Protein backbone atom coordinates (compact mmCIF):
# COMPACT_ATOMS: atom_id res chain seq x y z
CA MET A 1 -93.74 -30.23 -144.92
CA SER A 2 -90.53 -28.45 -143.79
CA VAL A 3 -90.26 -26.50 -140.57
CA SER A 4 -89.86 -22.74 -140.92
CA PRO A 5 -86.52 -21.09 -139.77
CA ARG A 6 -88.57 -19.16 -137.08
CA GLN A 7 -89.73 -22.40 -135.74
CA GLN A 8 -86.31 -23.94 -135.82
CA LEU A 9 -84.71 -21.15 -134.08
CA PRO A 10 -87.27 -19.88 -131.60
CA ASN A 11 -84.70 -18.10 -129.43
CA THR A 12 -82.28 -16.74 -131.96
CA TYR A 13 -84.09 -16.15 -135.09
CA ARG A 14 -85.10 -12.63 -134.29
CA ALA A 15 -81.82 -11.68 -132.69
CA PHE A 16 -79.89 -12.55 -135.84
CA TYR A 17 -82.28 -12.17 -138.68
CA CYS A 18 -84.47 -9.12 -137.77
CA ALA A 19 -82.50 -6.88 -140.11
CA PHE A 20 -82.78 -9.24 -143.06
CA PRO A 21 -85.84 -8.73 -145.36
CA ALA A 22 -85.59 -12.44 -146.12
CA LEU A 23 -83.13 -15.34 -145.58
CA ARG A 24 -80.85 -16.29 -148.24
CA PRO A 25 -81.16 -19.89 -149.56
CA PHE A 26 -77.87 -20.82 -147.93
CA GLN A 27 -79.00 -19.47 -144.52
CA ILE A 28 -81.82 -21.69 -144.50
CA GLU A 29 -79.96 -24.71 -145.78
CA VAL A 30 -77.50 -24.60 -142.85
CA ILE A 31 -80.02 -24.56 -139.91
CA THR A 32 -80.98 -28.19 -139.79
CA PRO A 33 -77.39 -29.61 -140.11
CA LEU A 34 -76.00 -27.32 -137.50
CA LEU A 35 -78.92 -28.05 -135.18
CA GLN A 36 -78.22 -31.62 -135.51
CA GLY A 37 -74.37 -31.20 -134.82
CA HIS A 38 -73.18 -31.83 -138.36
CA ASP A 39 -69.97 -30.64 -139.70
CA LEU A 40 -70.24 -28.24 -142.67
CA ILE A 41 -68.27 -25.86 -144.77
CA LEU A 42 -70.12 -22.63 -145.73
CA GLN A 43 -68.85 -20.50 -148.60
CA ALA A 44 -70.71 -17.34 -149.62
CA ALA A 45 -69.85 -13.79 -150.67
CA THR A 46 -68.73 -11.22 -148.26
CA GLY A 47 -71.31 -9.51 -146.33
CA SER A 48 -73.96 -12.12 -147.33
CA GLY A 49 -74.76 -13.24 -143.73
CA LYS A 50 -72.41 -16.15 -143.09
CA THR A 51 -71.79 -15.31 -139.53
CA GLU A 52 -75.49 -15.13 -138.85
CA ALA A 53 -76.17 -18.34 -140.74
CA VAL A 54 -73.71 -20.31 -138.54
CA LEU A 55 -74.11 -18.64 -135.24
CA ALA A 56 -78.07 -18.61 -134.97
CA PRO A 57 -78.28 -22.47 -135.03
CA CYS A 58 -75.25 -22.83 -132.88
CA LEU A 59 -76.47 -20.45 -130.18
CA GLU A 60 -79.78 -22.08 -130.42
CA ARG A 61 -78.16 -25.23 -129.35
CA VAL A 62 -76.16 -23.36 -126.33
CA LEU A 63 -79.55 -21.92 -125.19
CA ARG A 64 -81.28 -25.31 -125.35
CA ALA A 65 -78.26 -26.83 -123.29
CA GLU A 66 -78.79 -24.31 -120.51
CA GLY A 67 -75.14 -23.57 -119.81
CA ALA A 68 -73.72 -27.10 -120.87
CA ALA A 69 -72.49 -26.01 -124.24
CA GLY A 70 -70.48 -23.40 -125.82
CA VAL A 71 -68.89 -22.22 -129.01
CA LEU A 72 -65.23 -21.87 -129.63
CA TYR A 73 -64.79 -19.35 -132.59
CA VAL A 74 -61.45 -19.30 -134.18
CA VAL A 75 -60.35 -16.51 -136.56
CA PRO A 76 -57.15 -15.67 -138.48
CA THR A 77 -56.59 -12.35 -136.93
CA ARG A 78 -56.77 -10.22 -133.88
CA ALA A 79 -58.51 -7.58 -135.85
CA LEU A 80 -61.33 -9.80 -137.15
CA ALA A 81 -61.78 -11.13 -133.53
CA GLN A 82 -62.33 -7.38 -132.39
CA ASP A 83 -64.57 -6.61 -135.25
CA LEU A 84 -66.69 -9.78 -134.42
CA ARG A 85 -66.77 -8.80 -130.82
CA ARG A 86 -68.13 -5.29 -131.53
CA ARG A 87 -70.69 -6.75 -133.86
CA LEU A 88 -71.71 -9.83 -131.84
CA GLU A 89 -71.64 -8.51 -128.26
CA PRO A 90 -74.82 -6.45 -128.34
CA VAL A 91 -76.70 -9.66 -129.89
CA LEU A 92 -75.39 -12.14 -127.52
CA HIS A 93 -75.47 -10.09 -124.40
CA ASP A 94 -78.49 -7.66 -124.81
CA ARG A 95 -80.74 -10.01 -126.97
CA LEU A 96 -79.87 -13.45 -125.85
CA GLY A 97 -78.29 -13.18 -122.38
CA LEU A 98 -75.23 -14.99 -123.33
CA ARG A 99 -71.57 -14.17 -122.44
CA LEU A 100 -68.85 -13.35 -125.17
CA GLY A 101 -65.30 -13.71 -124.28
CA ILE A 102 -62.25 -12.84 -126.46
CA ARG A 103 -58.71 -14.11 -126.16
CA THR A 104 -56.00 -12.89 -128.42
CA GLY A 105 -52.44 -11.75 -128.10
CA ASP A 106 -53.82 -8.26 -127.19
CA VAL A 107 -56.91 -9.03 -125.23
CA LYS A 108 -57.79 -11.52 -122.57
CA ARG A 109 -61.44 -10.60 -121.76
CA LEU A 110 -63.35 -13.43 -120.33
CA PRO A 111 -66.67 -12.77 -118.57
CA SER A 112 -67.10 -13.78 -115.01
CA GLY A 113 -68.24 -17.41 -115.05
CA ALA A 114 -67.79 -19.11 -118.37
CA ALA A 115 -68.15 -17.61 -121.80
CA ASP A 116 -70.88 -19.14 -124.11
CA VAL A 117 -68.83 -17.86 -127.16
CA LEU A 118 -64.98 -17.53 -127.09
CA LEU A 119 -63.31 -15.52 -129.97
CA THR A 120 -59.69 -16.43 -130.39
CA THR A 121 -56.81 -16.90 -132.72
CA PRO A 122 -54.82 -20.29 -133.29
CA GLU A 123 -51.93 -18.73 -131.32
CA SER A 124 -54.07 -17.89 -128.23
CA LEU A 125 -55.72 -21.32 -128.55
CA ASP A 126 -52.29 -22.86 -128.32
CA VAL A 127 -51.56 -20.87 -125.11
CA MET A 128 -55.10 -22.04 -123.80
CA LEU A 129 -54.60 -25.65 -124.33
CA GLY A 130 -51.34 -25.48 -122.45
CA SER A 131 -52.65 -23.51 -119.61
CA PRO A 132 -52.84 -24.75 -116.01
CA ASN A 133 -55.69 -22.36 -115.39
CA ARG A 134 -58.70 -24.28 -114.30
CA GLU A 135 -61.17 -21.73 -115.78
CA VAL A 136 -59.64 -21.90 -119.14
CA ARG A 137 -59.54 -25.56 -119.13
CA ASP A 138 -63.25 -25.77 -118.06
CA LEU A 139 -64.16 -23.29 -120.72
CA LEU A 140 -62.57 -25.34 -123.39
CA GLN A 141 -64.17 -28.49 -122.24
CA ARG A 142 -67.66 -27.02 -122.17
CA ALA A 143 -67.32 -25.48 -125.68
CA ASN A 144 -68.68 -28.39 -127.89
CA MET A 145 -68.96 -26.42 -131.22
CA LEU A 146 -66.14 -25.12 -133.15
CA ILE A 147 -66.24 -22.47 -135.93
CA ILE A 148 -63.33 -21.69 -138.06
CA ASP A 149 -63.78 -18.36 -139.73
CA GLU A 150 -61.92 -17.31 -142.90
CA VAL A 151 -60.52 -20.93 -143.07
CA HIS A 152 -58.85 -20.18 -146.52
CA GLN A 153 -56.39 -18.01 -144.69
CA PHE A 154 -55.01 -20.88 -142.84
CA LEU A 155 -54.59 -23.22 -145.88
CA GLY A 156 -51.20 -24.01 -147.43
CA GLY A 157 -49.03 -22.35 -144.62
CA TYR A 158 -47.57 -22.99 -141.20
CA ARG A 159 -50.71 -21.50 -139.53
CA GLY A 160 -52.97 -24.01 -141.13
CA ARG A 161 -50.55 -26.87 -139.92
CA GLN A 162 -50.66 -25.26 -136.50
CA LEU A 163 -54.33 -25.11 -136.51
CA ALA A 164 -54.72 -28.78 -137.60
CA TYR A 165 -52.40 -29.78 -134.78
CA LEU A 166 -54.32 -27.64 -132.25
CA LEU A 167 -57.54 -29.23 -133.35
CA GLN A 168 -56.19 -32.68 -132.74
CA ARG A 169 -55.13 -31.64 -129.34
CA LEU A 170 -58.49 -30.10 -128.68
CA ALA A 171 -60.33 -33.27 -129.90
CA ARG A 172 -58.32 -35.36 -127.47
CA ARG A 173 -59.48 -33.25 -124.52
CA SER A 174 -62.87 -32.27 -125.37
CA ARG A 175 -66.18 -33.00 -127.16
CA HIS A 176 -66.07 -30.40 -130.12
CA GLN A 177 -68.20 -31.03 -133.16
């Protein structure tokens, strides 16, 4: 007998899925692997709920860890980071009591204390990895989950090579999954 998504995601299900009449099969399929800390690649149509499918289980883990875990969310553009911030901030802050930070070339907005989710671009991640700032280093150390959105935009170019190098640097200094 399988466990329902509501039971698997007691803290995040309503926050992320209350607007959906029903979950899509891929949204259900990714819950268990993400809760268990497995890597995965998710491909689905635009506007189908990929962000919710990935963030709900990841943030369930953050909430269960009681401040000892976080999510580093890498996006290809500053515009996408801003769009995600506008969409996610009410859910994270108002419904889940979590802190969202954003660090791009345009914006360096980190909440007081540590962010539970940090939206960034590869270029800003590069700067953060070289930062002597203790808060930035602590934030990167605490973030143990990594989401790369729109990964196809990084493939086959210098930004993809840059991101691969940054992930190697990140893996040497932290515990990302």
